[in-house]
Amino acid sequence: MREEVLEILEGICPDIDFETETELIDGGAIDSFAVIQIMTELMDHFNIFIDADDIEPENLNSLDSICEMVRSKMES
């Protein structure tokens, strides 16, 4: 699943090194438009629902945190 998430992220923001970046939101690496694109792609690809309450830096600052959020949504 990690590779699928990484592929989605790189498709939207190809200039970011998602393997090493840990402050995607807090550091301003991705903007609000990219966040919406990422959430939409993740929901479509994994057939999950991501609530507006889930769109917080703690869930989106790194590849690992994004994967954890997706994993959590898939389990619920």
N, C-alpha and C. Protein backbone atom coordinates (compact mmCIF):
# COMPACT_ATOMS: atom_id res chain seq x y z
N MET A 1 0.80 -1.18 0.00
CA MET A 1 0.00 0.00 0.00
C MET A 1 0.86 1.27 0.00
N ARG A 2 1.98 1.22 0.68
CA ARG A 2 2.90 2.36 0.73
C ARG A 2 3.32 2.81 -0.67
N GLU A 3 3.64 1.83 -1.54
CA GLU A 3 4.07 2.16 -2.89
C GLU A 3 2.94 2.81 -3.69
N GLU A 4 1.72 2.37 -3.46
CA GLU A 4 0.57 2.96 -4.14
C GLU A 4 0.36 4.41 -3.70
N VAL A 5 0.46 4.65 -2.40
CA VAL A 5 0.33 6.01 -1.87
C VAL A 5 1.45 6.88 -2.43
N LEU A 6 2.66 6.37 -2.43
CA LEU A 6 3.80 7.13 -2.95
C LEU A 6 3.59 7.48 -4.42
N GLU A 7 3.09 6.55 -5.20
CA GLU A 7 2.83 6.79 -6.63
C GLU A 7 1.80 7.91 -6.80
N ILE A 8 0.76 7.91 -5.98
CA ILE A 8 -0.26 8.96 -6.05
C ILE A 8 0.36 10.31 -5.70
N LEU A 9 1.12 10.35 -4.61
CA LEU A 9 1.75 11.61 -4.18
C LEU A 9 2.70 12.15 -5.24
N GLU A 10 3.53 11.29 -5.79
CA GLU A 10 4.49 11.72 -6.81
C GLU A 10 3.80 12.16 -8.10
N GLY A 11 2.64 11.58 -8.38
CA GLY A 11 1.88 11.99 -9.55
C GLY A 11 1.33 13.40 -9.41
N ILE A 12 1.02 13.80 -8.19
CA ILE A 12 0.47 15.12 -7.94
C ILE A 12 1.56 16.15 -7.71
N CYS A 13 2.60 15.79 -6.98
CA CYS A 13 3.70 16.70 -6.65
C CYS A 13 5.03 16.03 -6.96
N PRO A 14 5.39 15.95 -8.23
CA PRO A 14 6.60 15.21 -8.62
C PRO A 14 7.92 15.79 -8.13
N ASP A 15 7.92 17.05 -7.70
CA ASP A 15 9.17 17.69 -7.28
C ASP A 15 9.51 17.47 -5.81
N ILE A 16 8.64 16.77 -5.07
CA ILE A 16 8.85 16.57 -3.64
C ILE A 16 9.40 15.17 -3.38
N ASP A 17 10.38 15.09 -2.50
CA ASP A 17 10.93 13.78 -2.10
C ASP A 17 10.12 13.27 -0.91
N PHE A 18 9.07 12.54 -1.20
CA PHE A 18 8.17 12.06 -0.16
C PHE A 18 8.81 11.01 0.75
N GLU A 19 9.88 10.41 0.31
CA GLU A 19 10.58 9.41 1.12
C GLU A 19 11.29 10.06 2.32
N THR A 20 11.69 11.32 2.18
CA THR A 20 12.45 11.97 3.25
C THR A 20 11.74 13.16 3.89
N GLU A 21 10.82 13.77 3.20
CA GLU A 21 10.14 14.96 3.72
C GLU A 21 9.22 14.61 4.90
N THR A 22 9.35 15.34 5.99
CA THR A 22 8.54 15.06 7.18
C THR A 22 7.70 16.27 7.61
N GLU A 23 7.73 17.33 6.83
CA GLU A 23 6.94 18.52 7.13
C GLU A 23 6.22 19.00 5.87
N LEU A 24 5.48 18.11 5.25
CA LEU A 24 4.79 18.46 4.01
C LEU A 24 3.85 19.64 4.21
N ILE A 25 3.10 19.63 5.30
CA ILE A 25 2.16 20.71 5.59
C ILE A 25 2.86 21.82 6.39
N ASP A 26 3.44 21.45 7.51
CA ASP A 26 4.07 22.43 8.39
C ASP A 26 5.19 23.21 7.70
N GLY A 27 5.90 22.56 6.80
CA GLY A 27 6.99 23.22 6.09
C GLY A 27 6.57 23.89 4.80
N GLY A 28 5.29 23.74 4.44
CA GLY A 28 4.78 24.39 3.23
C GLY A 28 5.15 23.70 1.93
N ALA A 29 5.57 22.44 2.00
CA ALA A 29 5.96 21.72 0.78
C ALA A 29 4.76 21.49 -0.15
N ILE A 30 3.58 21.29 0.45
CA ILE A 30 2.37 21.15 -0.37
C ILE A 30 1.36 22.20 0.07
N ASP A 31 0.63 22.72 -0.91
CA ASP A 31 -0.37 23.74 -0.62
C ASP A 31 -1.76 23.12 -0.51
N SER A 32 -2.74 23.94 -0.21
CA SER A 32 -4.10 23.43 0.01
C SER A 32 -4.69 22.78 -1.23
N PHE A 33 -4.35 23.29 -2.41
CA PHE A 33 -4.85 22.68 -3.64
C PHE A 33 -4.29 21.26 -3.80
N ALA A 34 -3.01 21.08 -3.51
CA ALA A 34 -2.40 19.75 -3.59
C ALA A 34 -3.01 18.81 -2.56
N VAL A 35 -3.33 19.33 -1.37
CA VAL A 35 -3.95 18.51 -0.33
C VAL A 35 -5.29 17.97 -0.83
N ILE A 36 -6.09 18.84 -1.44
CA ILE A 36 -7.39 18.41 -1.96
C ILE A 36 -7.20 17.35 -3.05
N GLN A 37 -6.25 17.55 -3.94
CA GLN A 37 -5.96 16.56 -4.99
C GLN A 37 -5.55 15.22 -4.37
N ILE A 38 -4.68 15.27 -3.39
CA ILE A 38 -4.19 14.06 -2.74
C ILE A 38 -5.34 13.33 -2.06
N MET A 39 -6.16 14.05 -1.31
CA MET A 39 -7.29 13.41 -0.61
C MET A 39 -8.25 12.77 -1.59
N THR A 40 -8.54 13.47 -2.68
CA THR A 40 -9.46 12.93 -3.69
C THR A 40 -8.89 11.67 -4.32
N GLU A 41 -7.62 11.69 -4.68
CA GLU A 41 -7.00 10.51 -5.29
C GLU A 41 -6.95 9.33 -4.32
N LEU A 42 -6.62 9.60 -3.06
CA LEU A 42 -6.58 8.53 -2.06
C LEU A 42 -7.96 7.92 -1.86
N MET A 43 -8.99 8.76 -1.78
CA MET A 43 -10.34 8.25 -1.60
C MET A 43 -10.77 7.39 -2.79
N ASP A 44 -10.49 7.87 -3.99
CA ASP A 44 -10.86 7.11 -5.19
C ASP A 44 -10.09 5.80 -5.30
N HIS A 45 -8.80 5.88 -5.08
CA HIS A 45 -7.94 4.70 -5.27
C HIS A 45 -8.21 3.61 -4.23
N PHE A 46 -8.37 4.01 -2.98
CA PHE A 46 -8.52 3.03 -1.90
C PHE A 46 -9.98 2.82 -1.47
N ASN A 47 -10.89 3.51 -2.15
CA ASN A 47 -12.32 3.39 -1.84
C ASN A 47 -12.58 3.64 -0.35
N ILE A 48 -12.07 4.78 0.12
CA ILE A 48 -12.24 5.18 1.52
C ILE A 48 -12.87 6.56 1.55
N PHE A 49 -13.32 6.97 2.74
CA PHE A 49 -13.82 8.33 2.92
C PHE A 49 -12.92 9.04 3.91
N ILE A 50 -12.40 10.19 3.50
CA ILE A 50 -11.57 11.01 4.36
C ILE A 50 -12.38 12.25 4.72
N ASP A 51 -12.69 12.38 5.99
CA ASP A 51 -13.49 13.48 6.51
C ASP A 51 -12.64 14.74 6.58
N ALA A 52 -13.29 15.88 6.55
CA ALA A 52 -12.57 17.17 6.67
C ALA A 52 -11.77 17.23 7.97
N ASP A 53 -12.28 16.56 9.02
CA ASP A 53 -11.56 16.54 10.30
C ASP A 53 -10.23 15.81 10.21
N ASP A 54 -10.08 14.95 9.21
CA ASP A 54 -8.84 14.18 9.03
C ASP A 54 -7.75 14.98 8.33
N ILE A 55 -8.14 16.08 7.73
CA ILE A 55 -7.18 16.88 6.96
C ILE A 55 -6.45 17.82 7.92
N GLU A 56 -5.51 17.25 8.64
CA GLU A 56 -4.70 17.97 9.61
C GLU A 56 -3.23 17.64 9.39
N PRO A 57 -2.34 18.55 9.76
CA PRO A 57 -0.91 18.29 9.56
C PRO A 57 -0.43 16.95 10.11
N GLU A 58 -0.93 16.55 11.27
CA GLU A 58 -0.46 15.29 11.86
C GLU A 58 -0.76 14.09 10.96
N ASN A 59 -1.75 14.18 10.09
CA ASN A 59 -2.08 13.09 9.17
C ASN A 59 -1.42 13.25 7.81
N LEU A 60 -0.83 14.41 7.55
CA LEU A 60 -0.36 14.71 6.20
C LEU A 60 1.08 15.19 6.10
N ASN A 61 1.82 15.21 7.20
CA ASN A 61 3.17 15.77 7.16
C ASN A 61 4.21 14.85 6.54
N SER A 62 3.90 13.57 6.40
CA SER A 62 4.90 12.64 5.83
C SER A 62 4.21 11.50 5.13
N LEU A 63 4.97 10.80 4.34
CA LEU A 63 4.46 9.61 3.66
C LEU A 63 3.94 8.61 4.69
N ASP A 64 4.67 8.42 5.76
CA ASP A 64 4.25 7.46 6.80
C ASP A 64 2.93 7.86 7.44
N SER A 65 2.77 9.15 7.75
CA SER A 65 1.52 9.58 8.39
C SER A 65 0.34 9.47 7.43
N ILE A 66 0.58 9.72 6.16
CA ILE A 66 -0.49 9.57 5.16
C ILE A 66 -0.87 8.10 5.04
N CYS A 67 0.12 7.22 4.99
CA CYS A 67 -0.15 5.78 4.91
C CYS A 67 -0.92 5.30 6.13
N GLU A 68 -0.56 5.80 7.30
CA GLU A 68 -1.26 5.41 8.53
C GLU A 68 -2.72 5.86 8.50
N MET A 69 -2.96 7.05 8.00
CA MET A 69 -4.33 7.54 7.89
C MET A 69 -5.14 6.66 6.92
N VAL A 70 -4.54 6.34 5.78
CA VAL A 70 -5.22 5.48 4.80
C VAL A 70 -5.49 4.10 5.42
N ARG A 71 -4.50 3.55 6.07
CA ARG A 71 -4.65 2.23 6.70
C ARG A 71 -5.80 2.26 7.72
N SER A 72 -5.84 3.30 8.51
CA SER A 72 -6.90 3.46 9.51
C SER A 72 -8.28 3.54 8.85
N LYS A 73 -8.37 4.28 7.77
CA LYS A 73 -9.64 4.42 7.06
C LYS A 73 -10.07 3.11 6.41
N MET A 74 -9.12 2.34 5.94
CA MET A 74 -9.43 1.05 5.31
C MET A 74 -9.95 0.04 6.33
N GLU A 75 -9.49 0.18 7.56
CA GLU A 75 -9.89 -0.76 8.61
C GLU A 75 -11.24 -0.40 9.21
N SER A 76 -11.67 0.83 9.06
CA SER A 76 -12.94 1.24 9.68
C SER A 76 -14.12 1.12 8.73
